[in-house]
């Protein structure tokens, strides 16, 4: 999974402080040609972090929505409508 529209986003310079150990590990990975640059390693790590947390937030929202009676009714109605449509398509194939 990738962040949507990532290539269209404008990059922003942002200064941060990282533990020396991680910077040294990233530099070692660059020397071994595992990653193209320290910057790319940091960007990839941030992207993974954001995607993981977005997934967690989505799961929490879905758990909350499961307790919403109106949401569940709409979801079940939609599922029923699509199950009819899916059954029609199976016969056609």
PDB file of N, CA and C in Angstrom:
ATOM      1  N   UNK A   1       0.845  -1.172   0.000  1.00  0.00           N
ATOM      2  CA  UNK A   1       0.000   0.000   0.000  1.00  0.00           C
ATOM      3  C   UNK A   1       0.895   1.242   0.000  1.00  0.00           C
ATOM      4  N   UNK A   2       0.556   2.194  -0.828  1.00  0.00           N
ATOM      5  CA  UNK A   2       1.331   3.421  -0.928  1.00  0.00           C
ATOM      6  C   UNK A   2       0.433   4.601  -0.575  1.00  0.00           C
ATOM      7  N   UNK A   3       1.051   5.692  -0.191  1.00  0.00           N
ATOM      8  CA  UNK A   3       0.279   6.901   0.063  1.00  0.00           C
ATOM      9  C   UNK A   3      -0.258   7.428  -1.258  1.00  0.00           C
ATOM     10  N   UNK A   4      -1.526   7.811  -1.267  1.00  0.00           N
ATOM     11  CA  UNK A   4      -2.142   8.309  -2.485  1.00  0.00           C
ATOM     12  C   UNK A   4      -1.566   9.663  -2.876  1.00  0.00           C
ATOM     13  N   UNK A   5      -1.410   9.870  -4.159  1.00  0.00           N
ATOM     14  CA  UNK A   5      -0.959  11.146  -4.722  1.00  0.00           C
ATOM     15  C   UNK A   5       0.403  11.580  -4.189  1.00  0.00           C
ATOM     16  N   UNK A   6       1.211  10.648  -3.763  1.00  0.00           N
ATOM     17  CA  UNK A   6       2.505  10.983  -3.174  1.00  0.00           C
ATOM     18  C   UNK A   6       3.396  11.744  -4.146  1.00  0.00           C
ATOM     19  N   UNK A   7       3.413  11.308  -5.408  1.00  0.00           N
ATOM     20  CA  UNK A   7       4.308  11.940  -6.366  1.00  0.00           C
ATOM     21  C   UNK A   7       3.892  13.376  -6.710  1.00  0.00           C
ATOM     22  N   UNK A   8       2.640  13.734  -6.438  1.00  0.00           N
ATOM     23  CA  UNK A   8       2.161  15.080  -6.732  1.00  0.00           C
ATOM     24  C   UNK A   8       2.390  16.035  -5.564  1.00  0.00           C
ATOM     25  N   UNK A   9       2.715  15.488  -4.402  1.00  0.00           N
ATOM     26  CA  UNK A   9       2.881  16.324  -3.226  1.00  0.00           C
ATOM     27  C   UNK A   9       4.177  17.119  -3.283  1.00  0.00           C
ATOM     28  N   UNK A  10       4.140  18.277  -2.709  1.00  0.00           N
ATOM     29  CA  UNK A  10       5.319  19.127  -2.629  1.00  0.00           C
ATOM     30  C   UNK A  10       6.127  18.700  -1.411  1.00  0.00           C
ATOM     31  N   UNK A  11       7.413  18.514  -1.592  1.00  0.00           N
ATOM     32  CA  UNK A  11       8.278  18.145  -0.475  1.00  0.00           C
ATOM     33  C   UNK A  11       8.513  19.349   0.417  1.00  0.00           C
ATOM     34  N   UNK A  12       8.643  19.084   1.699  1.00  0.00           N
ATOM     35  CA  UNK A  12       8.876  20.128   2.686  1.00  0.00           C
ATOM     36  C   UNK A  12      10.136  19.758   3.450  1.00  0.00           C
ATOM     37  N   UNK A  13      11.020  20.709   3.578  1.00  0.00           N
ATOM     38  CA  UNK A  13      12.234  20.494   4.363  1.00  0.00           C
ATOM     39  C   UNK A  13      11.861  20.587   5.836  1.00  0.00           C
ATOM     40  N   UNK A  14      12.258  19.567   6.608  1.00  0.00           N
ATOM     41  CA  UNK A  14      11.905  19.523   8.019  1.00  0.00           C
ATOM     42  C   UNK A  14      13.098  18.975   8.784  1.00  0.00           C
ATOM     43  N   UNK A  15      13.520  19.687   9.797  1.00  0.00           N
ATOM     44  CA  UNK A  15      14.678  19.269  10.581  1.00  0.00           C
ATOM     45  C   UNK A  15      14.202  18.467  11.779  1.00  0.00           C
ATOM     46  N   UNK A  16      14.875  17.353  12.036  1.00  0.00           N
ATOM     47  CA  UNK A  16      14.549  16.522  13.185  1.00  0.00           C
ATOM     48  C   UNK A  16      15.832  15.985  13.802  1.00  0.00           C
ATOM     49  N   UNK A  17      15.723  15.483  14.994  1.00  0.00           N
ATOM     50  CA  UNK A  17      16.876  14.901  15.678  1.00  0.00           C
ATOM     51  C   UNK A  17      16.630  13.397  15.773  1.00  0.00           C
ATOM     52  N   UNK A  18      17.593  12.624  15.296  1.00  0.00           N
ATOM     53  CA  UNK A  18      17.490  11.165  15.305  1.00  0.00           C
ATOM     54  C   UNK A  18      18.615  10.575  16.142  1.00  0.00           C
ATOM     55  N   UNK A  19      18.363   9.441  16.757  1.00  0.00           N
ATOM     56  CA  UNK A  19      19.444   8.777  17.482  1.00  0.00           C
ATOM     57  C   UNK A  19      20.578   8.401  16.515  1.00  0.00           C
ATOM     58  N   UNK A  20      21.807   8.601  16.949  1.00  0.00           N
ATOM     59  CA  UNK A  20      22.983   8.331  16.114  1.00  0.00           C
ATOM     60  C   UNK A  20      22.956   6.902  15.568  1.00  0.00           C
ATOM     61  N   UNK A  21      22.518   5.955  16.398  1.00  0.00           N
ATOM     62  CA  UNK A  21      22.497   4.559  15.983  1.00  0.00           C
ATOM     63  C   UNK A  21      21.722   4.380  14.678  1.00  0.00           C
ATOM     64  N   UNK A  22      20.535   4.996  14.583  1.00  0.00           N
ATOM     65  CA  UNK A  22      19.711   4.840  13.384  1.00  0.00           C
ATOM     66  C   UNK A  22      20.350   5.502  12.170  1.00  0.00           C
ATOM     67  N   UNK A  23      20.944   6.655  12.380  1.00  0.00           N
ATOM     68  CA  UNK A  23      21.620   7.339  11.267  1.00  0.00           C
ATOM     69  C   UNK A  23      22.796   6.487  10.785  1.00  0.00           C
ATOM     70  N   UNK A  24      23.562   5.936  11.719  1.00  0.00           N
ATOM     71  CA  UNK A  24      24.687   5.072  11.344  1.00  0.00           C
ATOM     72  C   UNK A  24      24.201   3.832  10.594  1.00  0.00           C
ATOM     73  N   UNK A  25      23.083   3.253  11.052  1.00  0.00           N
ATOM     74  CA  UNK A  25      22.528   2.081  10.367  1.00  0.00           C
ATOM     75  C   UNK A  25      22.088   2.436   8.948  1.00  0.00           C
ATOM     76  N   UNK A  26      21.469   3.580   8.797  1.00  0.00           N
ATOM     77  CA  UNK A  26      21.057   4.023   7.461  1.00  0.00           C
ATOM     78  C   UNK A  26      22.271   4.248   6.563  1.00  0.00           C
ATOM     79  N   UNK A  27      23.321   4.852   7.100  1.00  0.00           N
ATOM     80  CA  UNK A  27      24.540   5.068   6.315  1.00  0.00           C
ATOM     81  C   UNK A  27      25.156   3.740   5.892  1.00  0.00           C
ATOM     82  N   UNK A  28      25.121   2.751   6.777  1.00  0.00           N
ATOM     83  CA  UNK A  28      25.630   1.423   6.434  1.00  0.00           C
ATOM     84  C   UNK A  28      24.809   0.824   5.297  1.00  0.00           C
ATOM     85  N   UNK A  29      23.492   1.001   5.352  1.00  0.00           N
ATOM     86  CA  UNK A  29      22.625   0.489   4.286  1.00  0.00           C
ATOM     87  C   UNK A  29      22.912   1.167   2.956  1.00  0.00           C
ATOM     88  N   UNK A  30      23.244   2.456   3.001  1.00  0.00           N
ATOM     89  CA  UNK A  30      23.606   3.170   1.773  1.00  0.00           C
ATOM     90  C   UNK A  30      24.918   2.604   1.214  1.00  0.00           C
ATOM     91  N   UNK A  31      25.908   2.407   2.079  1.00  0.00           N
ATOM     92  CA  UNK A  31      27.194   1.858   1.634  1.00  0.00           C
ATOM     93  C   UNK A  31      27.029   0.479   1.016  1.00  0.00           C
ATOM     94  N   UNK A  32      26.098  -0.310   1.561  1.00  0.00           N
ATOM     95  CA  UNK A  32      25.850  -1.656   1.045  1.00  0.00           C
ATOM     96  C   UNK A  32      24.857  -1.654  -0.124  1.00  0.00           C
ATOM     97  N   UNK A  33      24.443  -0.458  -0.518  1.00  0.00           N
ATOM     98  CA  UNK A  33      23.515  -0.260  -1.634  1.00  0.00           C
ATOM     99  C   UNK A  33      22.153  -0.926  -1.410  1.00  0.00           C
ATOM    100  N   UNK A  34      21.734  -0.973  -0.161  1.00  0.00           N
ATOM    101  CA  UNK A  34      20.411  -1.494   0.185  1.00  0.00           C
ATOM    102  C   UNK A  34      19.361  -0.418  -0.042  1.00  0.00           C
ATOM    103  N   UNK A  35      19.727   0.823   0.276  1.00  0.00           N
ATOM    104  CA  UNK A  35      18.877   1.983   0.011  1.00  0.00           C
ATOM    105  C   UNK A  35      19.719   3.008  -0.731  1.00  0.00           C
ATOM    106  N   UNK A  36      19.062   3.861  -1.522  1.00  0.00           N
ATOM    107  CA  UNK A  36      19.835   4.827  -2.310  1.00  0.00           C
ATOM    108  C   UNK A  36      20.442   5.969  -1.492  1.00  0.00           C
ATOM    109  N   UNK A  37      19.787   6.347  -0.390  1.00  0.00           N
ATOM    110  CA  UNK A  37      20.293   7.465   0.418  1.00  0.00           C
ATOM    111  C   UNK A  37      19.687   7.402   1.817  1.00  0.00           C
ATOM    112  N   UNK A  38      20.335   8.085   2.739  1.00  0.00           N
ATOM    113  CA  UNK A  38      19.803   8.192   4.099  1.00  0.00           C
ATOM    114  C   UNK A  38      18.433   8.865   4.047  1.00  0.00           C
ATOM    115  N   UNK A  39      18.327   9.925   3.249  1.00  0.00           N
ATOM    116  CA  UNK A  39      17.063  10.638   3.119  1.00  0.00           C
ATOM    117  C   UNK A  39      15.945   9.695   2.668  1.00  0.00           C
ATOM    118  N   UNK A  40      16.232   8.862   1.673  1.00  0.00           N
ATOM    119  CA  UNK A  40      15.217   7.928   1.184  1.00  0.00           C
ATOM    120  C   UNK A  40      14.837   6.917   2.263  1.00  0.00           C
ATOM    121  N   UNK A  41      15.797   6.469   3.036  1.00  0.00           N
ATOM    122  CA  UNK A  41      15.514   5.553   4.136  1.00  0.00           C
ATOM    123  C   UNK A  41      14.584   6.175   5.162  1.00  0.00           C
ATOM    124  N   UNK A  42      14.833   7.426   5.485  1.00  0.00           N
ATOM    125  CA  UNK A  42      13.988   8.129   6.446  1.00  0.00           C
ATOM    126  C   UNK A  42      12.588   8.331   5.871  1.00  0.00           C
ATOM    127  N   UNK A  43      12.516   8.727   4.603  1.00  0.00           N
ATOM    128  CA  UNK A  43      11.207   8.934   3.961  1.00  0.00           C
ATOM    129  C   UNK A  43      10.404   7.634   3.925  1.00  0.00           C
ATOM    130  N   UNK A  44      11.080   6.530   3.612  1.00  0.00           N
ATOM    131  CA  UNK A  44      10.391   5.238   3.575  1.00  0.00           C
ATOM    132  C   UNK A  44       9.889   4.849   4.957  1.00  0.00           C
ATOM    133  N   UNK A  45      10.698   5.095   5.970  1.00  0.00           N
ATOM    134  CA  UNK A  45      10.302   4.764   7.336  1.00  0.00           C
ATOM    135  C   UNK A  45       9.094   5.600   7.767  1.00  0.00           C
ATOM    136  N   UNK A  46       9.100   6.879   7.425  1.00  0.00           N
ATOM    137  CA  UNK A  46       7.975   7.747   7.780  1.00  0.00           C
ATOM    138  C   UNK A  46       6.719   7.295   7.040  1.00  0.00           C
ATOM    139  N   UNK A  47       6.865   6.949   5.771  1.00  0.00           N
ATOM    140  CA  UNK A  47       5.717   6.483   4.994  1.00  0.00           C
ATOM    141  C   UNK A  47       5.122   5.220   5.626  1.00  0.00           C
ATOM    142  N   UNK A  48       5.959   4.263   5.992  1.00  0.00           N
ATOM    143  CA  UNK A  48       5.481   3.032   6.642  1.00  0.00           C
ATOM    144  C   UNK A  48       4.774   3.350   7.956  1.00  0.00           C
ATOM    145  N   UNK A  49       5.356   4.248   8.728  1.00  0.00           N
ATOM    146  CA  UNK A  49       4.771   4.649  10.007  1.00  0.00           C
ATOM    147  C   UNK A  49       3.381   5.246   9.797  1.00  0.00           C
ATOM    148  N   UNK A  50       3.266   6.155   8.848  1.00  0.00           N
ATOM    149  CA  UNK A  50       1.991   6.814   8.581  1.00  0.00           C
ATOM    150  C   UNK A  50       0.958   5.794   8.098  1.00  0.00           C
ATOM    151  N   UNK A  51       1.349   4.924   7.169  1.00  0.00           N
ATOM    152  CA  UNK A  51       0.411   3.929   6.656  1.00  0.00           C
ATOM    153  C   UNK A  51      -0.054   2.974   7.746  1.00  0.00           C
ATOM    154  N   UNK A  52       0.862   2.533   8.591  1.00  0.00           N
ATOM    155  CA  UNK A  52       0.491   1.641   9.694  1.00  0.00           C
ATOM    156  C   UNK A  52      -0.513   2.312  10.631  1.00  0.00           C
ATOM    157  N   UNK A  53      -0.258   3.563  10.957  1.00  0.00           N
ATOM    158  CA  UNK A  53      -1.147   4.267  11.884  1.00  0.00           C
ATOM    159  C   UNK A  53      -2.487   4.617  11.238  1.00  0.00           C
ATOM    160  N   UNK A  54      -2.472   4.904   9.934  1.00  0.00           N
ATOM    161  CA  UNK A  54      -3.738   5.144   9.242  1.00  0.00           C
ATOM    162  C   UNK A  54      -4.585   3.871   9.245  1.00  0.00           C
ATOM    163  N   UNK A  55      -3.940   2.728   9.042  1.00  0.00           N
ATOM    164  CA  UNK A  55      -4.644   1.450   9.075  1.00  0.00           C
ATOM    165  C   UNK A  55      -5.244   1.212  10.461  1.00  0.00           C
ATOM    166  N   UNK A  56      -4.465   1.492  11.494  1.00  0.00           N
ATOM    167  CA  UNK A  56      -4.942   1.329  12.866  1.00  0.00           C
ATOM    168  C   UNK A  56      -6.130   2.262  13.134  1.00  0.00           C
ATOM    169  N   UNK A  57      -6.040   3.498  12.676  1.00  0.00           N
ATOM    170  CA  UNK A  57      -7.134   4.452  12.861  1.00  0.00           C
ATOM    171  C   UNK A  57      -8.395   3.955  12.147  1.00  0.00           C
ATOM    172  N   UNK A  58      -8.232   3.421  10.940  1.00  0.00           N
ATOM    173  CA  UNK A  58      -9.366   2.892  10.169  1.00  0.00           C
ATOM    174  C   UNK A  58     -10.022   1.740  10.932  1.00  0.00           C
ATOM    175  N   UNK A  59      -9.201   0.834  11.465  1.00  0.00           N
ATOM    176  CA  UNK A  59      -9.736  -0.303  12.211  1.00  0.00           C
ATOM    177  C   UNK A  59     -10.512   0.168  13.443  1.00  0.00           C
ATOM    178  N   UNK A  60      -9.993   1.174  14.129  1.00  0.00           N
ATOM    179  CA  UNK A  60     -10.690   1.709  15.303  1.00  0.00           C
ATOM    180  C   UNK A  60     -12.025   2.351  14.896  1.00  0.00           C
ATOM    181  N   UNK A  61     -12.020   3.071  13.784  1.00  0.00           N
ATOM    182  CA  UNK A  61     -13.252   3.704  13.298  1.00  0.00           C
ATOM    183  C   UNK A  61     -14.287   2.649  12.917  1.00  0.00           C
ATOM    184  N   UNK A  62     -13.836   1.544  12.316  1.00  0.00           N
ATOM    185  CA  UNK A  62     -14.756   0.475  11.937  1.00  0.00           C
ATOM    186  C   UNK A  62     -15.331  -0.214  13.176  1.00  0.00           C
ATOM    187  N   UNK A  63     -14.525  -0.370  14.226  1.00  0.00           N
ATOM    188  CA  UNK A  63     -15.035  -0.955  15.469  1.00  0.00           C
ATOM    189  C   UNK A  63     -16.105  -0.053  16.072  1.00  0.00           C
ATOM    190  N   UNK A  64     -15.877   1.250  16.026  1.00  0.00           N
ATOM    191  CA  UNK A  64     -16.876   2.196  16.530  1.00  0.00           C
ATOM    192  C   UNK A  64     -18.130   2.153  15.670  1.00  0.00           C
ATOM    193  N   UNK A  65     -17.942   2.083  14.351  1.00  0.00           N
ATOM    194  CA  UNK A  65     -19.082   2.057  13.433  1.00  0.00           C
ATOM    195  C   UNK A  65     -19.923   0.794  13.627  1.00  0.00           C
ATOM    196  N   UNK A  66     -19.277  -0.306  14.002  1.00  0.00           N
ATOM    197  CA  UNK A  66     -20.008  -1.557  14.224  1.00  0.00           C
ATOM    198  C   UNK A  66     -21.014  -1.414  15.361  1.00  0.00           C
ATOM    199  N   UNK A  67     -20.812  -0.459  16.235  1.00  0.00           N
ATOM    200  CA  UNK A  67     -21.742  -0.212  17.335  1.00  0.00           C
ATOM    201  C   UNK A  67     -22.830   0.792  16.973  1.00  0.00           C
ATOM    202  N   UNK A  68     -22.750   1.340  15.761  1.00  0.00           N
ATOM    203  CA  UNK A  68     -23.728   2.321  15.285  1.00  0.00           C
ATOM    204  C   UNK A  68     -24.824   1.582  14.518  1.00  0.00           C
ATOM    205  N   UNK A  69     -26.002   1.516  15.108  1.00  0.00           N
ATOM    206  CA  UNK A  69     -27.105   0.742  14.524  1.00  0.00           C
ATOM    207  C   UNK A  69     -27.451   1.217  13.105  1.00  0.00           C
ATOM    208  N   UNK A  70     -27.541   2.506  12.888  1.00  0.00           N
ATOM    209  CA  UNK A  70     -27.886   3.051  11.570  1.00  0.00           C
ATOM    210  C   UNK A  70     -26.821   2.679  10.532  1.00  0.00           C
ATOM    211  N   UNK A  71     -25.552   2.763  10.921  1.00  0.00           N
ATOM    212  CA  UNK A  71     -24.463   2.390  10.008  1.00  0.00           C
ATOM    213  C   UNK A  71     -24.573   0.920   9.620  1.00  0.00           C
ATOM    214  N   UNK A  72     -24.814   0.066  10.600  1.00  0.00           N
ATOM    215  CA  UNK A  72     -24.909  -1.365  10.328  1.00  0.00           C
ATOM    216  C   UNK A  72     -26.106  -1.685   9.431  1.00  0.00           C
ATOM    217  N   UNK A  73     -27.226  -0.997   9.642  1.00  0.00           N
ATOM    218  CA  UNK A  73     -28.393  -1.211   8.781  1.00  0.00           C
ATOM    219  C   UNK A  73     -28.085  -0.830   7.340  1.00  0.00           C
ATOM    220  N   UNK A  74     -27.437   0.325   7.137  1.00  0.00           N
ATOM    221  CA  UNK A  74     -27.067   0.751   5.775  1.00  0.00           C
ATOM    222  C   UNK A  74     -26.100  -0.246   5.146  1.00  0.00           C
ATOM    223  N   UNK A  75     -25.138  -0.714   5.932  1.00  0.00           N
ATOM    224  CA  UNK A  75     -24.147  -1.658   5.427  1.00  0.00           C
ATOM    225  C   UNK A  75     -24.805  -2.966   5.012  1.00  0.00           C
ATOM    226  N   UNK A  76     -25.694  -3.475   5.835  1.00  0.00           N
ATOM    227  CA  UNK A  76     -26.366  -4.733   5.520  1.00  0.00           C
ATOM    228  C   UNK A  76     -27.274  -4.579   4.304  1.00  0.00           C
ATOM    229  N   UNK A  77     -27.967  -3.444   4.180  1.00  0.00           N
ATOM    230  CA  UNK A  77     -28.809  -3.189   3.006  1.00  0.00           C
ATOM    231  C   UNK A  77     -27.961  -3.175   1.737  1.00  0.00           C
ATOM    232  N   UNK A  78     -26.841  -2.487   1.796  1.00  0.00           N
ATOM    233  CA  UNK A  78     -25.951  -2.410   0.635  1.00  0.00           C
ATOM    234  C   UNK A  78     -25.402  -3.789   0.285  1.00  0.00           C
ATOM    235  N   UNK A  79     -25.023  -4.537   1.288  1.00  0.00           N
ATOM    236  CA  UNK A  79     -24.500  -5.885   1.047  1.00  0.00           C
ATOM    237  C   UNK A  79     -25.567  -6.757   0.389  1.00  0.00           C
ATOM    238  N   UNK A  80     -26.797  -6.637   0.845  1.00  0.00           N
ATOM    239  CA  UNK A  80     -27.886  -7.419   0.266  1.00  0.00           C
ATOM    240  C   UNK A  80     -28.111  -7.040  -1.193  1.00  0.00           C
ATOM    241  N   UNK A  81     -28.112  -5.749  -1.491  1.00  0.00           N
ATOM    242  CA  UNK A  81     -28.306  -5.284  -2.868  1.00  0.00           C
ATOM    243  C   UNK A  81     -27.201  -5.823  -3.774  1.00  0.00           C
ATOM    244  N   UNK A  82     -25.956  -5.743  -3.308  1.00  0.00           N
ATOM    245  CA  UNK A  82     -24.845  -6.223  -4.132  1.00  0.00           C
ATOM    246  C   UNK A  82     -24.823  -7.739  -4.240  1.00  0.00           C
ATOM    247  N   UNK A  83     -25.335  -8.446  -3.250  1.00  0.00           N
ATOM    248  CA  UNK A  83     -25.350  -9.904  -3.348  1.00  0.00           C
ATOM    249  C   UNK A  83     -26.284 -10.344  -4.463  1.00  0.00           C
ATOM    250  N   UNK A  84     -27.384  -9.623  -4.663  1.00  0.00           N
ATOM    251  CA  UNK A  84     -28.300  -9.920  -5.776  1.00  0.00           C
ATOM    252  C   UNK A  84     -27.584  -9.668  -7.098  1.00  0.00           C
ATOM    253  N   UNK A  85     -26.918  -8.528  -7.198  1.00  0.00           N
ATOM    254  CA  UNK A  85     -26.183  -8.184  -8.405  1.00  0.00           C
ATOM    255  C   UNK A  85     -25.059  -9.191  -8.676  1.00  0.00           C
ATOM    256  N   UNK A  86     -24.344  -9.588  -7.627  1.00  0.00           N
ATOM    257  CA  UNK A  86     -23.263 -10.573  -7.785  1.00  0.00           C
ATOM    258  C   UNK A  86     -23.811 -11.905  -8.268  1.00  0.00           C
ATOM    259  N   UNK A  87     -24.973 -12.313  -7.743  1.00  0.00           N
ATOM    260  CA  UNK A  87     -25.574 -13.581  -8.156  1.00  0.00           C
ATOM    261  C   UNK A  87     -25.956 -13.542  -9.637  1.00  0.00           C
ATOM    262  N   UNK A  88     -26.459 -12.395 -10.088  1.00  0.00           N
ATOM    263  CA  UNK A  88     -26.810 -12.252 -11.511  1.00  0.00           C
ATOM    264  C   UNK A  88     -25.581 -12.372 -12.386  1.00  0.00           C
ATOM    265  N   UNK A  89     -24.487 -11.792 -11.961  1.00  0.00           N
ATOM    266  CA  UNK A  89     -23.238 -11.864 -12.739  1.00  0.00           C
ATOM    267  C   UNK A  89     -22.678 -13.270 -12.796  1.00  0.00           C
ATOM    268  N   UNK A  90     -22.814 -14.033 -11.714  1.00  0.00           N
ATOM    269  CA  UNK A  90     -22.306 -15.397 -11.695  1.00  0.00           C
ATOM    270  C   UNK A  90     -23.030 -16.259 -12.722  1.00  0.00           C
ATOM    271  N   UNK A  91     -24.331 -16.047 -12.878  1.00  0.00           N
ATOM    272  CA  UNK A  91     -25.117 -16.812 -13.841  1.00  0.00           C
ATOM    273  C   UNK A  91     -24.666 -16.459 -15.253  1.00  0.00           C
ATOM    274  N   UNK A  92     -24.398 -15.180 -15.505  1.00  0.00           N
ATOM    275  CA  UNK A  92     -23.984 -14.734 -16.837  1.00  0.00           C
ATOM    276  C   UNK A  92     -22.641 -15.303 -17.235  1.00  0.00           C
ATOM    277  N   UNK A  93     -21.765 -15.549 -16.301  1.00  0.00           N
ATOM    278  CA  UNK A  93     -20.445 -16.057 -16.634  1.00  0.00           C
ATOM    279  C   UNK A  93     -20.532 -17.544 -16.806  1.00  0.00           C
TER     280      UNK A  93
END
